[in-house]
């Protein structure tokens, strides 16, 4: 996990936690989904507390947020360390 990747990962989780508007929350959920495709950032998302955030989004977010969160959780589930 490089410094820049780590910054983006933390930023995605922090964006969701602090986001006010639904558009901002959708952008944050989409960022986490995109980052979850990279093996290097899967562990980074997990260590930043991303899984509970994504579960919350999957339960309570907009339809777009739910889709992004489900995609990110699916990608994170392929990592045995996250099970």
C-alpha atoms as a PDB file:
ATOM      1  CA  UNK A   1       0.000   0.000   0.000  1.00  0.00           C
ATOM      2  CA  UNK A   2       1.706   3.133  -1.208  1.00  0.00           C
ATOM      3  CA  UNK A   3       1.277   6.477   0.459  1.00  0.00           C
ATOM      4  CA  UNK A   4      -0.888   7.834  -2.317  1.00  0.00           C
ATOM      5  CA  UNK A   5      -3.083   4.741  -2.460  1.00  0.00           C
ATOM      6  CA  UNK A   6      -3.443   4.855   1.311  1.00  0.00           C
ATOM      7  CA  UNK A   7      -4.449   8.509   1.151  1.00  0.00           C
ATOM      8  CA  UNK A   8      -7.157   7.798  -1.422  1.00  0.00           C
ATOM      9  CA  UNK A   9      -8.462   4.833   0.547  1.00  0.00           C
ATOM     10  CA  UNK A  10      -8.704   6.798   3.760  1.00  0.00           C
ATOM     11  CA  UNK A  11     -10.200   9.704   1.881  1.00  0.00           C
ATOM     12  CA  UNK A  12     -12.953   7.470   0.439  1.00  0.00           C
ATOM     13  CA  UNK A  13     -13.959   6.143   3.857  1.00  0.00           C
ATOM     14  CA  UNK A  14     -13.765   9.612   5.417  1.00  0.00           C
ATOM     15  CA  UNK A  15     -15.760  11.091   2.531  1.00  0.00           C
ATOM     16  CA  UNK A  16     -18.605   8.707   3.249  1.00  0.00           C
ATOM     17  CA  UNK A  17     -18.600   9.313   6.994  1.00  0.00           C
ATOM     18  CA  UNK A  18     -18.635  13.104   6.569  1.00  0.00           C
ATOM     19  CA  UNK A  19     -20.665  13.435   3.389  1.00  0.00           C
ATOM     20  CA  UNK A  20     -23.727  15.617   3.668  1.00  0.00           C
ATOM     21  CA  UNK A  21     -25.539  15.444   0.358  1.00  0.00           C
ATOM     22  CA  UNK A  22     -26.647  12.236  -1.316  1.00  0.00           C
ATOM     23  CA  UNK A  23     -24.574  13.131  -4.387  1.00  0.00           C
ATOM     24  CA  UNK A  24     -21.486  13.363  -2.192  1.00  0.00           C
ATOM     25  CA  UNK A  25     -22.303  10.035  -0.526  1.00  0.00           C
ATOM     26  CA  UNK A  26     -22.778   8.430  -3.939  1.00  0.00           C
ATOM     27  CA  UNK A  27     -19.394   9.747  -5.073  1.00  0.00           C
ATOM     28  CA  UNK A  28     -17.735   8.374  -1.929  1.00  0.00           C
ATOM     29  CA  UNK A  29     -19.393   4.962  -2.295  1.00  0.00           C
ATOM     30  CA  UNK A  30     -18.355   4.889  -5.950  1.00  0.00           C
ATOM     31  CA  UNK A  31     -14.784   5.734  -5.009  1.00  0.00           C
ATOM     32  CA  UNK A  32     -14.658   2.844  -2.540  1.00  0.00           C
ATOM     33  CA  UNK A  33     -16.088   0.509  -5.172  1.00  0.00           C
ATOM     34  CA  UNK A  34     -13.432   1.591  -7.678  1.00  0.00           C
ATOM     35  CA  UNK A  35     -10.667   1.223  -5.121  1.00  0.00           C
ATOM     36  CA  UNK A  36     -11.878  -2.256  -4.162  1.00  0.00           C
ATOM     37  CA  UNK A  37     -10.841  -3.604  -7.583  1.00  0.00           C
ATOM     38  CA  UNK A  38      -7.167  -3.197  -6.663  1.00  0.00           C
ATOM     39  CA  UNK A  39      -5.567  -5.933  -4.559  1.00  0.00           C
ATOM     40  CA  UNK A  40      -3.336  -3.385  -2.831  1.00  0.00           C
ATOM     41  CA  UNK A  41      -6.264  -1.295  -1.649  1.00  0.00           C
ATOM     42  CA  UNK A  42      -8.549  -4.106  -0.481  1.00  0.00           C
ATOM     43  CA  UNK A  43      -6.668  -4.443   2.807  1.00  0.00           C
ATOM     44  CA  UNK A  44      -6.375  -0.680   3.059  1.00  0.00           C
ATOM     45  CA  UNK A  45     -10.144  -0.230   2.807  1.00  0.00           C
ATOM     46  CA  UNK A  46     -10.642  -2.876   5.475  1.00  0.00           C
ATOM     47  CA  UNK A  47      -8.081  -1.400   7.862  1.00  0.00           C
ATOM     48  CA  UNK A  48      -9.656   2.049   7.478  1.00  0.00           C
ATOM     49  CA  UNK A  49     -12.985   0.698   8.710  1.00  0.00           C
ATOM     50  CA  UNK A  50     -14.520   0.503   5.248  1.00  0.00           C
ATOM     51  CA  UNK A  51     -16.475  -2.744   5.632  1.00  0.00           C
ATOM     52  CA  UNK A  52     -18.881  -1.492   8.353  1.00  0.00           C
ATOM     53  CA  UNK A  53     -19.326   1.730   6.387  1.00  0.00           C
ATOM     54  CA  UNK A  54     -20.134  -0.194   3.205  1.00  0.00           C
ATOM     55  CA  UNK A  55     -22.588  -2.457   5.056  1.00  0.00           C
ATOM     56  CA  UNK A  56     -24.335   0.647   6.396  1.00  0.00           C
ATOM     57  CA  UNK A  57     -24.482   2.119   2.904  1.00  0.00           C
ATOM     58  CA  UNK A  58     -25.872  -1.140   1.503  1.00  0.00           C
ATOM     59  CA  UNK A  59     -28.664  -1.000   4.078  1.00  0.00           C
ATOM     60  CA  UNK A  60     -29.537   2.696   4.184  1.00  0.00           C
ATOM     61  CA  UNK A  61     -28.168   4.422   1.092  1.00  0.00           C
ATOM     62  CA  UNK A  62     -29.802   5.457  -2.144  1.00  0.00           C
ATOM     63  CA  UNK A  63     -30.214   2.864  -4.897  1.00  0.00           C
ATOM     64  CA  UNK A  64     -26.965   4.055  -6.486  1.00  0.00           C
ATOM     65  CA  UNK A  65     -25.114   3.920  -3.152  1.00  0.00           C
ATOM     66  CA  UNK A  66     -26.442   0.417  -2.496  1.00  0.00           C
ATOM     67  CA  UNK A  67     -25.194  -0.769  -5.880  1.00  0.00           C
ATOM     68  CA  UNK A  68     -21.715   0.715  -5.309  1.00  0.00           C
ATOM     69  CA  UNK A  69     -21.520  -0.674  -1.778  1.00  0.00           C
ATOM     70  CA  UNK A  70     -22.623  -4.132  -2.897  1.00  0.00           C
ATOM     71  CA  UNK A  71     -19.983  -4.109  -5.632  1.00  0.00           C
ATOM     72  CA  UNK A  72     -17.270  -3.055  -3.213  1.00  0.00           C
ATOM     73  CA  UNK A  73     -18.320  -5.666  -0.642  1.00  0.00           C
ATOM     74  CA  UNK A  74     -18.330  -8.345  -3.345  1.00  0.00           C
ATOM     75  CA  UNK A  75     -14.789  -7.395  -4.337  1.00  0.00           C
ATOM     76  CA  UNK A  76     -13.618  -7.296  -0.713  1.00  0.00           C
ATOM     77  CA  UNK A  77     -15.186 -10.706  -0.051  1.00  0.00           C
ATOM     78  CA  UNK A  78     -12.739 -12.331  -2.479  1.00  0.00           C
ATOM     79  CA  UNK A  79      -9.919 -11.550  -0.039  1.00  0.00           C
ATOM     80  CA  UNK A  80      -9.637 -14.343   2.546  1.00  0.00           C
ATOM     81  CA  UNK A  81      -8.304 -11.865   5.128  1.00  0.00           C
ATOM     82  CA  UNK A  82     -11.675 -10.085   5.066  1.00  0.00           C
ATOM     83  CA  UNK A  83     -13.755 -13.159   5.892  1.00  0.00           C
END
